[in-house]
């Protein structure tokens, strides 16, 4: 199980954090733009950041899972 967990985490991180095209894919393949405009919680959909490379890291859990 440790090996599966390690490999799964590495694969996930390679896709979400290491692929420079993932953010663009995520924005095109999911309704995240609509979800971010919905007022479904007491907090904004993402944390403020000026770094475009950390856009996925700034997204809160509820919008990430819904998308």
Protein backbone atom coordinates (compact mmCIF):
# COMPACT_ATOMS: atom_id res chain seq x y z
CA UNK A 1 0.00 0.00 0.00
CA UNK A 2 2.85 2.39 0.72
CA UNK A 3 4.17 1.92 -2.80
CA UNK A 4 0.74 2.50 -4.36
CA UNK A 5 0.24 5.63 -2.25
CA UNK A 6 3.69 6.96 -3.16
CA UNK A 7 3.22 6.31 -6.88
CA UNK A 8 -0.32 7.73 -6.89
CA UNK A 9 0.80 10.91 -5.16
CA UNK A 10 3.73 11.34 -7.54
CA UNK A 11 1.48 10.86 -10.58
CA UNK A 12 -1.15 13.30 -9.25
CA UNK A 13 1.45 15.95 -8.46
CA UNK A 14 3.09 15.51 -11.86
CA UNK A 15 -0.24 16.15 -13.57
CA UNK A 16 -1.63 18.95 -11.41
CA UNK A 17 1.50 20.84 -10.36
CA UNK A 18 4.24 19.98 -12.84
CA UNK A 19 2.36 20.15 -16.16
CA UNK A 20 2.39 23.79 -17.28
CA UNK A 21 -0.73 23.24 -19.40
CA UNK A 22 -2.86 21.77 -16.61
CA UNK A 23 -4.40 25.08 -15.49
CA UNK A 24 -5.51 25.85 -19.04
CA UNK A 25 -6.91 22.32 -19.43
CA UNK A 26 -8.72 22.55 -16.08
CA UNK A 27 -10.31 25.86 -17.04
CA UNK A 28 -11.46 24.52 -20.42
CA UNK A 29 -12.62 21.06 -19.28
CA UNK A 30 -14.55 22.03 -16.14
CA UNK A 31 -17.20 24.61 -15.27
CA UNK A 32 -14.83 26.28 -12.79
CA UNK A 33 -15.58 29.75 -14.17
CA UNK A 34 -19.26 29.29 -13.31
CA UNK A 35 -18.51 27.70 -9.94
CA UNK A 36 -16.23 30.59 -8.97
CA UNK A 37 -19.05 33.08 -9.60
CA UNK A 38 -21.56 31.15 -7.48
CA UNK A 39 -21.94 32.25 -3.90
CA UNK A 40 -22.10 28.79 -2.35
CA UNK A 41 -20.04 29.39 0.76
CA UNK A 42 -19.00 32.14 3.12
CA UNK A 43 -15.54 32.37 1.55
CA UNK A 44 -14.41 33.19 -1.98
CA UNK A 45 -13.69 30.30 -4.36
CA UNK A 46 -9.97 30.97 -4.30
CA UNK A 47 -7.40 32.67 -2.15
CA UNK A 48 -5.94 35.89 -3.56
CA UNK A 49 -2.59 35.54 -5.32
CA UNK A 50 -0.70 37.42 -7.97
CA UNK A 51 1.20 34.35 -9.13
CA UNK A 52 -0.55 32.71 -12.14
CA UNK A 53 1.46 29.51 -11.63
CA UNK A 54 -0.12 28.95 -8.22
CA UNK A 55 -3.70 29.27 -9.47
CA UNK A 56 -4.55 25.65 -8.69
CA UNK A 57 -2.96 25.91 -5.24
CA UNK A 58 -5.10 28.97 -4.48
CA UNK A 59 -8.38 27.24 -5.39
CA UNK A 60 -10.34 26.19 -2.33
CA UNK A 61 -11.53 22.62 -1.79
CA UNK A 62 -15.24 23.01 -2.60
CA UNK A 63 -14.77 24.57 -6.06
CA UNK A 64 -11.96 22.10 -6.84
CA UNK A 65 -14.12 19.08 -6.01
CA UNK A 66 -17.27 20.47 -7.68
CA UNK A 67 -15.34 21.24 -10.88
